Amino acid sequence: MVGTDMAADAAVNAGIIGANAIGDEVPIVGEVIIAGTAVYFAQEWVRGHWQDIKDGSDDAGHFIGGLASGAFHEGEKLLSLVDPL
């Protein structure tokens, strides 16, 4: 199954690159094809790296949450020194 998926992706990629090479000769069509190719390759990259992106955003969220929590607790300590009620 993996080999079939890779072959299909290779065929699509080859078709897009071929269309891009042909479309480059027509001014506006070439730019549209290049933009479409860029969007296609970007979504392929994101799809292939989605778990890494999720893990990184989770780690960043935990880090920022930890910083905010620490800052809140330090603020509480400072306020307790100013007004010991």
N, C-alpha and C. Protein backbone atom coordinates (compact mmCIF):
# COMPACT_ATOMS: atom_id res chain seq x y z
N MET A 1 0.82 -1.19 0.00
CA MET A 1 0.00 0.00 0.00
C MET A 1 0.86 1.26 0.00
N VAL A 2 1.95 1.23 0.81
CA VAL A 2 2.82 2.40 0.87
C VAL A 2 3.46 2.66 -0.48
N GLY A 3 3.91 1.60 -1.15
CA GLY A 3 4.52 1.76 -2.46
C GLY A 3 3.55 2.33 -3.48
N THR A 4 2.30 1.91 -3.40
CA THR A 4 1.27 2.43 -4.31
C THR A 4 1.03 3.91 -4.06
N ASP A 5 0.95 4.29 -2.78
CA ASP A 5 0.76 5.71 -2.44
C ASP A 5 1.92 6.55 -2.93
N MET A 6 3.14 6.03 -2.75
CA MET A 6 4.32 6.77 -3.18
C MET A 6 4.33 6.92 -4.70
N ALA A 7 3.94 5.86 -5.40
CA ALA A 7 3.91 5.92 -6.87
C ALA A 7 2.86 6.92 -7.34
N ALA A 8 1.71 6.91 -6.68
CA ALA A 8 0.65 7.86 -7.06
C ALA A 8 1.10 9.29 -6.79
N ASP A 9 1.74 9.52 -5.63
CA ASP A 9 2.24 10.87 -5.32
C ASP A 9 3.31 11.29 -6.33
N ALA A 10 4.17 10.37 -6.71
CA ALA A 10 5.21 10.69 -7.68
C ALA A 10 4.60 11.06 -9.03
N ALA A 11 3.55 10.35 -9.42
CA ALA A 11 2.89 10.65 -10.69
C ALA A 11 2.23 12.02 -10.65
N VAL A 12 1.56 12.32 -9.54
CA VAL A 12 0.92 13.64 -9.40
C VAL A 12 1.98 14.74 -9.42
N ASN A 13 3.05 14.53 -8.65
CA ASN A 13 4.13 15.53 -8.60
C ASN A 13 4.75 15.75 -9.98
N ALA A 14 4.97 14.67 -10.70
CA ALA A 14 5.55 14.80 -12.04
C ALA A 14 4.60 15.56 -12.97
N GLY A 15 3.31 15.28 -12.85
CA GLY A 15 2.33 16.00 -13.67
C GLY A 15 2.29 17.48 -13.35
N ILE A 16 2.35 17.80 -12.06
CA ILE A 16 2.32 19.21 -11.65
C ILE A 16 3.57 19.93 -12.14
N ILE A 17 4.71 19.29 -11.99
CA ILE A 17 5.97 19.92 -12.42
C ILE A 17 5.98 20.08 -13.94
N GLY A 18 5.45 19.09 -14.66
CA GLY A 18 5.37 19.19 -16.13
C GLY A 18 4.45 20.31 -16.56
N ALA A 19 3.28 20.41 -15.91
CA ALA A 19 2.34 21.49 -16.24
C ALA A 19 2.95 22.84 -15.91
N ASN A 20 3.70 22.88 -14.83
CA ASN A 20 4.37 24.11 -14.43
C ASN A 20 5.37 24.54 -15.50
N ALA A 21 6.15 23.60 -16.01
CA ALA A 21 7.15 23.92 -17.03
C ALA A 21 6.48 24.43 -18.31
N ILE A 22 5.37 23.82 -18.69
CA ILE A 22 4.66 24.25 -19.90
C ILE A 22 3.98 25.60 -19.66
N GLY A 23 3.34 25.75 -18.51
CA GLY A 23 2.60 26.97 -18.20
C GLY A 23 3.47 28.19 -17.99
N ASP A 24 4.74 27.98 -17.71
CA ASP A 24 5.65 29.12 -17.50
C ASP A 24 5.78 29.99 -18.74
N GLU A 25 5.47 29.44 -19.90
CA GLU A 25 5.61 30.19 -21.14
C GLU A 25 4.47 31.18 -21.35
N VAL A 26 3.31 30.95 -20.73
CA VAL A 26 2.16 31.85 -20.84
C VAL A 26 2.15 32.72 -19.58
N PRO A 27 2.25 34.04 -19.72
CA PRO A 27 2.47 34.91 -18.56
C PRO A 27 1.56 34.68 -17.36
N ILE A 28 0.28 34.80 -17.47
CA ILE A 28 -0.59 34.70 -16.30
C ILE A 28 -0.81 33.24 -15.91
N VAL A 29 -0.95 32.37 -16.86
CA VAL A 29 -1.17 30.96 -16.58
C VAL A 29 0.00 30.39 -15.80
N GLY A 30 1.19 30.79 -16.15
CA GLY A 30 2.38 30.30 -15.44
C GLY A 30 2.36 30.66 -13.97
N GLU A 31 1.98 31.90 -13.66
CA GLU A 31 1.94 32.33 -12.26
C GLU A 31 0.88 31.57 -11.48
N VAL A 32 -0.27 31.34 -12.11
CA VAL A 32 -1.35 30.60 -11.44
C VAL A 32 -0.90 29.17 -11.17
N ILE A 33 -0.27 28.56 -12.14
CA ILE A 33 0.21 27.19 -11.96
C ILE A 33 1.28 27.14 -10.88
N ILE A 34 2.18 28.10 -10.85
CA ILE A 34 3.22 28.13 -9.82
C ILE A 34 2.58 28.28 -8.43
N ALA A 35 1.59 29.15 -8.31
CA ALA A 35 0.92 29.34 -7.02
C ALA A 35 0.20 28.05 -6.60
N GLY A 36 -0.48 27.41 -7.53
CA GLY A 36 -1.16 26.15 -7.22
C GLY A 36 -0.18 25.06 -6.83
N THR A 37 0.96 25.01 -7.52
CA THR A 37 1.99 24.03 -7.17
C THR A 37 2.52 24.29 -5.78
N ALA A 38 2.75 25.54 -5.44
CA ALA A 38 3.26 25.88 -4.11
C ALA A 38 2.26 25.47 -3.03
N VAL A 39 0.98 25.73 -3.26
CA VAL A 39 -0.06 25.36 -2.29
C VAL A 39 -0.12 23.84 -2.15
N TYR A 40 -0.05 23.13 -3.26
CA TYR A 40 -0.09 21.66 -3.22
C TYR A 40 1.09 21.11 -2.42
N PHE A 41 2.30 21.57 -2.73
CA PHE A 41 3.47 21.06 -2.01
C PHE A 41 3.46 21.46 -0.55
N ALA A 42 2.94 22.64 -0.23
CA ALA A 42 2.84 23.06 1.17
C ALA A 42 1.89 22.15 1.94
N GLN A 43 0.74 21.84 1.36
CA GLN A 43 -0.20 20.97 2.07
C GLN A 43 0.35 19.55 2.18
N GLU A 44 1.10 19.10 1.21
CA GLU A 44 1.74 17.79 1.30
C GLU A 44 2.74 17.77 2.46
N TRP A 45 3.52 18.83 2.59
CA TRP A 45 4.50 18.90 3.67
C TRP A 45 3.81 18.93 5.02
N VAL A 46 2.77 19.74 5.14
CA VAL A 46 2.04 19.83 6.41
C VAL A 46 1.42 18.49 6.75
N ARG A 47 0.82 17.84 5.76
CA ARG A 47 0.20 16.53 6.00
C ARG A 47 1.23 15.51 6.46
N GLY A 48 2.41 15.55 5.89
CA GLY A 48 3.47 14.62 6.27
C GLY A 48 4.09 14.92 7.63
N HIS A 49 3.99 16.15 8.09
CA HIS A 49 4.62 16.55 9.35
C HIS A 49 3.60 16.97 10.41
N TRP A 50 2.32 16.59 10.23
CA TRP A 50 1.27 17.08 11.11
C TRP A 50 1.51 16.71 12.57
N GLN A 51 1.96 15.47 12.83
CA GLN A 51 2.18 15.06 14.22
C GLN A 51 3.28 15.90 14.86
N ASP A 52 4.34 16.20 14.12
CA ASP A 52 5.41 17.05 14.65
C ASP A 52 4.89 18.46 14.95
N ILE A 53 4.04 18.97 14.08
CA ILE A 53 3.47 20.31 14.28
C ILE A 53 2.60 20.31 15.53
N LYS A 54 1.76 19.29 15.69
CA LYS A 54 0.90 19.20 16.87
C LYS A 54 1.74 19.10 18.15
N ASP A 55 2.77 18.25 18.11
CA ASP A 55 3.62 18.09 19.29
C ASP A 55 4.31 19.40 19.65
N GLY A 56 4.80 20.10 18.66
CA GLY A 56 5.47 21.38 18.91
C GLY A 56 4.53 22.43 19.46
N SER A 57 3.32 22.48 18.93
CA SER A 57 2.37 23.48 19.44
C SER A 57 1.91 23.12 20.85
N ASP A 58 1.77 21.82 21.14
CA ASP A 58 1.42 21.40 22.50
C ASP A 58 2.52 21.80 23.48
N ASP A 59 3.78 21.54 23.09
CA ASP A 59 4.90 21.90 23.95
C ASP A 59 4.95 23.41 24.19
N ALA A 60 4.74 24.18 23.13
CA ALA A 60 4.75 25.64 23.27
C ALA A 60 3.63 26.11 24.18
N GLY A 61 2.45 25.51 24.04
CA GLY A 61 1.32 25.87 24.88
C GLY A 61 1.58 25.57 26.34
N HIS A 62 2.18 24.40 26.61
CA HIS A 62 2.51 24.05 27.99
C HIS A 62 3.56 25.00 28.56
N PHE A 63 4.54 25.36 27.74
CA PHE A 63 5.60 26.28 28.19
C PHE A 63 5.01 27.64 28.53
N ILE A 64 4.19 28.17 27.64
CA ILE A 64 3.59 29.49 27.88
C ILE A 64 2.65 29.44 29.08
N GLY A 65 1.89 28.35 29.20
CA GLY A 65 1.02 28.19 30.36
C GLY A 65 1.80 28.14 31.65
N GLY A 66 2.95 27.47 31.63
CA GLY A 66 3.81 27.41 32.81
C GLY A 66 4.37 28.78 33.16
N LEU A 67 4.75 29.54 32.15
CA LEU A 67 5.26 30.90 32.40
C LEU A 67 4.17 31.78 33.01
N ALA A 68 2.97 31.69 32.45
CA ALA A 68 1.87 32.51 32.95
C ALA A 68 1.51 32.12 34.39
N SER A 69 1.49 30.83 34.65
CA SER A 69 1.19 30.36 36.01
C SER A 69 2.25 30.83 36.99
N GLY A 70 3.52 30.70 36.61
CA GLY A 70 4.62 31.15 37.47
C GLY A 70 4.55 32.65 37.72
N ALA A 71 4.25 33.41 36.69
CA ALA A 71 4.15 34.87 36.85
C ALA A 71 3.00 35.22 37.77
N PHE A 72 1.89 34.50 37.67
CA PHE A 72 0.74 34.76 38.53
C PHE A 72 1.09 34.49 39.99
N HIS A 73 1.76 33.37 40.24
CA HIS A 73 2.12 33.03 41.62
C HIS A 73 3.15 34.01 42.19
N GLU A 74 4.07 34.44 41.36
CA GLU A 74 5.04 35.45 41.83
C GLU A 74 4.33 36.76 42.14
N GLY A 75 3.35 37.13 41.32
CA GLY A 75 2.57 38.33 41.59
C GLY A 75 1.81 38.22 42.90
N GLU A 76 1.26 37.04 43.17
CA GLU A 76 0.57 36.83 44.45
C GLU A 76 1.52 37.01 45.62
N LYS A 77 2.74 36.48 45.48
CA LYS A 77 3.74 36.61 46.55
C LYS A 77 4.07 38.08 46.80
N LEU A 78 4.27 38.84 45.70
CA LEU A 78 4.60 40.24 45.84
C LEU A 78 3.45 41.02 46.50
N LEU A 79 2.23 40.72 46.12
CA LEU A 79 1.08 41.39 46.71
C LEU A 79 0.94 41.03 48.20
N SER A 80 1.25 39.80 48.55
CA SER A 80 1.16 39.42 49.96
C SER A 80 2.21 40.15 50.80
N LEU A 81 3.33 40.53 50.20
CA LEU A 81 4.35 41.29 50.92
C LEU A 81 3.90 42.73 51.12
N VAL A 82 3.19 43.27 50.15
CA VAL A 82 2.73 44.65 50.22
C VAL A 82 1.53 44.78 51.17
N ASP A 83 0.59 43.86 51.06
CA ASP A 83 -0.62 43.89 51.89
C ASP A 83 -0.79 42.51 52.53
N PRO A 84 -0.25 42.31 53.73
CA PRO A 84 -0.22 40.96 54.33
C PRO A 84 -1.57 40.48 54.88
N LEU A 85 -2.68 40.94 54.37
CA LEU A 85 -3.99 40.49 54.84
C LEU A 85 -4.22 39.12 54.40
